[in-house]
């Protein structure tokens, strides 16, 4: 099988798999957010920002980051509007029963499906938080840097530290999503 065919086949299967959990609008929005986050991580390694100016990669990073702020707000508003806060943050209401059940299942080697108030949806809530914190700390840094504020450096440091939360989330959440996808794909292939 050629690599192009493999990529096409896997992409189609991934789109089908995500359809079990997300409608087409959310799948596209989710894919855009993932793409933008990855591009942000790549461009951040190449950017240079000083009080005197910014490299072209920094301007790319900043402009795309502003777009990511918009996408992040749309994703959060859509997700929270559809499911509510308790779906993603049940522990804020003292409700940890489903998380406990999911953790026990996970410790026994079982893959856990997303359930209201469960482990997977709680992790998704943390991801929304990490995305928004990263985007808005970067936006705040940009405004302060543009205005020549001495507080810009502190916000830059904060943004860089917060971005590590998003990197850890991307690796963990993305890795678990791919694991679920490959397990599902093996089960489908057997049929």
Protein backbone atom coordinates (compact mmCIF):
# COMPACT_ATOMS: atom_id res chain seq x y z
CA UNK A 1 0.00 0.00 0.00
CA UNK A 2 1.37 3.40 -0.96
CA UNK A 3 1.89 5.97 1.76
CA UNK A 4 -0.71 8.31 0.19
CA UNK A 5 -3.30 5.53 0.22
CA UNK A 6 -2.43 4.65 3.82
CA UNK A 7 -2.81 8.28 4.92
CA UNK A 8 -6.13 8.59 3.06
CA UNK A 9 -7.48 5.33 4.50
CA UNK A 10 -6.39 6.15 8.05
CA UNK A 11 -7.80 9.69 7.80
CA UNK A 12 -11.16 8.35 6.64
CA UNK A 13 -11.21 5.78 9.45
CA UNK A 14 -10.25 8.43 12.02
CA UNK A 15 -13.04 10.71 10.77
CA UNK A 16 -15.49 7.78 11.10
CA UNK A 17 -14.20 6.89 14.58
CA UNK A 18 -14.49 10.50 15.80
CA UNK A 19 -18.07 10.47 14.51
CA UNK A 20 -19.02 8.21 17.41
CA UNK A 21 -18.24 11.07 19.80
CA UNK A 22 -18.54 14.30 17.80
CA UNK A 23 -20.80 15.76 15.15
CA UNK A 24 -19.17 17.01 11.89
CA UNK A 25 -18.93 20.64 13.10
CA UNK A 26 -17.13 19.64 16.29
CA UNK A 27 -14.82 17.25 14.41
CA UNK A 28 -13.72 20.03 12.05
CA UNK A 29 -13.33 22.50 14.92
CA UNK A 30 -11.38 19.94 16.95
CA UNK A 31 -9.10 19.19 13.98
CA UNK A 32 -8.47 22.91 13.40
CA UNK A 33 -7.58 23.45 17.06
CA UNK A 34 -5.18 20.48 17.02
CA UNK A 35 -3.57 21.72 13.79
CA UNK A 36 -3.21 25.27 15.11
CA UNK A 37 -1.75 24.07 18.42
CA UNK A 38 0.84 21.95 16.61
CA UNK A 39 1.73 24.86 14.31
CA UNK A 40 2.00 27.13 17.36
CA UNK A 41 4.40 24.72 19.04
CA UNK A 42 6.54 24.50 15.90
CA UNK A 43 6.63 28.25 15.29
CA UNK A 44 7.40 29.01 18.93
CA UNK A 45 10.80 27.36 18.59
CA UNK A 46 11.74 29.67 15.72
CA UNK A 47 10.43 33.00 16.98
CA UNK A 48 12.49 35.85 18.41
CA UNK A 49 10.90 38.72 20.33
CA UNK A 50 12.84 41.63 21.82
CA UNK A 51 11.72 45.04 23.06
CA UNK A 52 12.91 46.38 19.66
CA UNK A 53 10.90 44.05 17.46
CA UNK A 54 9.88 40.57 16.44
CA UNK A 55 10.97 38.09 13.79
CA UNK A 56 8.58 37.12 11.00
CA UNK A 57 8.08 33.75 12.70
CA UNK A 58 7.08 35.60 15.87
CA UNK A 59 4.50 37.62 13.93
CA UNK A 60 3.20 34.40 12.40
CA UNK A 61 3.00 32.86 15.88
CA UNK A 62 1.19 35.90 17.28
CA UNK A 63 -1.34 36.18 14.45
CA UNK A 64 -2.07 32.46 14.45
CA UNK A 65 -2.29 32.60 18.25
CA UNK A 66 -5.00 35.24 17.96
CA UNK A 67 -6.88 32.93 15.60
CA UNK A 68 -6.41 30.11 18.11
CA UNK A 69 -7.95 32.33 20.81
CA UNK A 70 -11.05 32.66 18.65
CA UNK A 71 -11.16 28.91 17.89
CA UNK A 72 -10.61 28.11 21.58
CA UNK A 73 -13.48 30.34 22.65
CA UNK A 74 -15.76 28.79 20.01
CA UNK A 75 -14.75 25.27 21.12
CA UNK A 76 -15.26 26.06 24.81
CA UNK A 77 -18.58 27.86 24.24
CA UNK A 78 -19.88 25.06 22.02
CA UNK A 79 -18.75 22.28 24.36
CA UNK A 80 -19.92 23.95 27.56
CA UNK A 81 -23.14 25.09 25.91
CA UNK A 82 -23.90 21.56 24.77
CA UNK A 83 -22.93 19.71 27.97
CA UNK A 84 -22.58 22.22 30.79
CA UNK A 85 -19.80 22.72 33.32
CA UNK A 86 -20.59 19.66 35.44
CA UNK A 87 -20.02 17.35 32.45
CA UNK A 88 -16.36 18.41 32.24
CA UNK A 89 -15.72 19.46 35.86
CA UNK A 90 -17.80 17.14 38.10
CA UNK A 91 -15.26 17.36 40.93
CA UNK A 92 -16.15 21.04 41.42
CA UNK A 93 -19.52 19.74 42.67
CA UNK A 94 -17.88 17.00 44.76
CA UNK A 95 -19.02 14.36 42.27
CA UNK A 96 -16.10 11.99 41.69
CA UNK A 97 -17.93 8.65 41.52
CA UNK A 98 -17.69 8.18 37.74
CA UNK A 99 -14.06 9.32 37.75
CA UNK A 100 -13.34 6.74 40.47
CA UNK A 101 -15.02 3.97 38.44
CA UNK A 102 -13.13 4.99 35.31
CA UNK A 103 -9.81 5.05 37.16
CA UNK A 104 -10.42 1.55 38.52
CA UNK A 105 -11.27 0.32 35.02
CA UNK A 106 -8.15 2.00 33.61
CA UNK A 107 -5.96 0.43 36.26
CA UNK A 108 -7.33 -2.96 35.16
CA UNK A 109 -6.20 -2.28 31.58
CA UNK A 110 -9.60 -1.33 30.19
CA UNK A 111 -10.05 1.60 27.84
CA UNK A 112 -12.57 4.07 29.23
CA UNK A 113 -15.17 5.66 26.96
CA UNK A 114 -16.17 9.30 27.48
CA UNK A 115 -19.04 9.49 29.99
CA UNK A 116 -20.65 12.51 31.62
CA UNK A 117 -18.59 13.36 34.69
CA UNK A 118 -16.06 10.64 33.92
CA UNK A 119 -12.32 10.53 33.57
CA UNK A 120 -12.20 11.20 29.82
CA UNK A 121 -14.57 14.16 29.94
CA UNK A 122 -12.77 15.58 32.99
CA UNK A 123 -9.52 15.39 31.06
CA UNK A 124 -11.23 17.14 28.14
CA UNK A 125 -12.28 19.91 30.54
CA UNK A 126 -8.68 20.31 31.69
CA UNK A 127 -7.66 20.52 28.03
CA UNK A 128 -10.13 23.33 27.40
CA UNK A 129 -8.66 25.14 30.39
CA UNK A 130 -5.07 24.61 29.23
CA UNK A 131 -5.96 25.79 25.71
CA UNK A 132 -7.67 28.96 26.92
CA UNK A 133 -4.99 29.76 29.52
CA UNK A 134 -2.24 29.36 26.92
CA UNK A 135 -4.04 31.41 24.28
CA UNK A 136 -5.05 34.26 26.56
CA UNK A 137 -1.72 34.46 28.39
CA UNK A 138 -0.10 34.78 24.95
CA UNK A 139 -2.60 37.44 23.92
CA UNK A 140 -1.94 39.37 27.15
CA UNK A 141 1.82 39.12 26.58
CA UNK A 142 1.34 40.43 23.01
CA UNK A 143 -0.67 43.47 24.15
CA UNK A 144 1.81 44.31 26.88
CA UNK A 145 4.81 43.83 24.57
CA UNK A 146 3.18 45.98 21.88
CA UNK A 147 2.60 48.73 24.44
CA UNK A 148 6.17 48.47 25.76
CA UNK A 149 5.00 47.54 29.24
CA UNK A 150 7.59 46.26 31.73
CA UNK A 151 5.03 43.57 32.70
CA UNK A 152 5.43 41.98 29.24
CA UNK A 153 8.39 39.86 30.30
CA UNK A 154 6.48 38.35 33.23
CA UNK A 155 3.57 37.46 30.97
CA UNK A 156 5.99 35.94 28.44
CA UNK A 157 7.40 33.67 31.14
CA UNK A 158 3.89 32.79 32.33
CA UNK A 159 2.79 32.03 28.76
CA UNK A 160 5.78 29.76 28.18
CA UNK A 161 5.13 27.82 31.41
CA UNK A 162 1.41 27.52 30.72
CA UNK A 163 2.17 26.32 27.19
CA UNK A 164 3.91 23.31 28.76
CA UNK A 165 0.55 22.31 30.25
CA UNK A 166 -0.89 22.32 26.76
CA UNK A 167 2.05 20.29 25.41
CA UNK A 168 1.59 17.66 28.13
CA UNK A 169 -2.14 17.63 27.43
CA UNK A 170 -1.59 17.29 23.68
CA UNK A 171 0.72 14.31 24.18
CA UNK A 172 -1.48 12.61 26.80
CA UNK A 173 -4.87 13.27 25.27
CA UNK A 174 -3.66 12.72 21.72
CA UNK A 175 -1.87 9.53 22.72
CA UNK A 176 -4.92 8.10 24.47
CA UNK A 177 -7.16 9.10 21.56
CA UNK A 178 -4.85 7.31 19.12
CA UNK A 179 -4.73 4.27 21.39
CA UNK A 180 -8.53 4.13 21.44
CA UNK A 181 -8.56 4.59 17.65
CA UNK A 182 -6.10 1.76 17.02
CA UNK A 183 -7.92 -0.61 19.39
CA UNK A 184 -11.22 0.24 17.67
CA UNK A 185 -9.61 -0.20 14.27
CA UNK A 186 -8.31 -3.69 15.17
CA UNK A 187 -11.80 -4.68 16.35
CA UNK A 188 -13.39 -3.36 13.15
CA UNK A 189 -10.75 -5.12 11.01
CA UNK A 190 -11.58 -8.46 12.65
CA UNK A 191 -15.21 -8.19 11.51
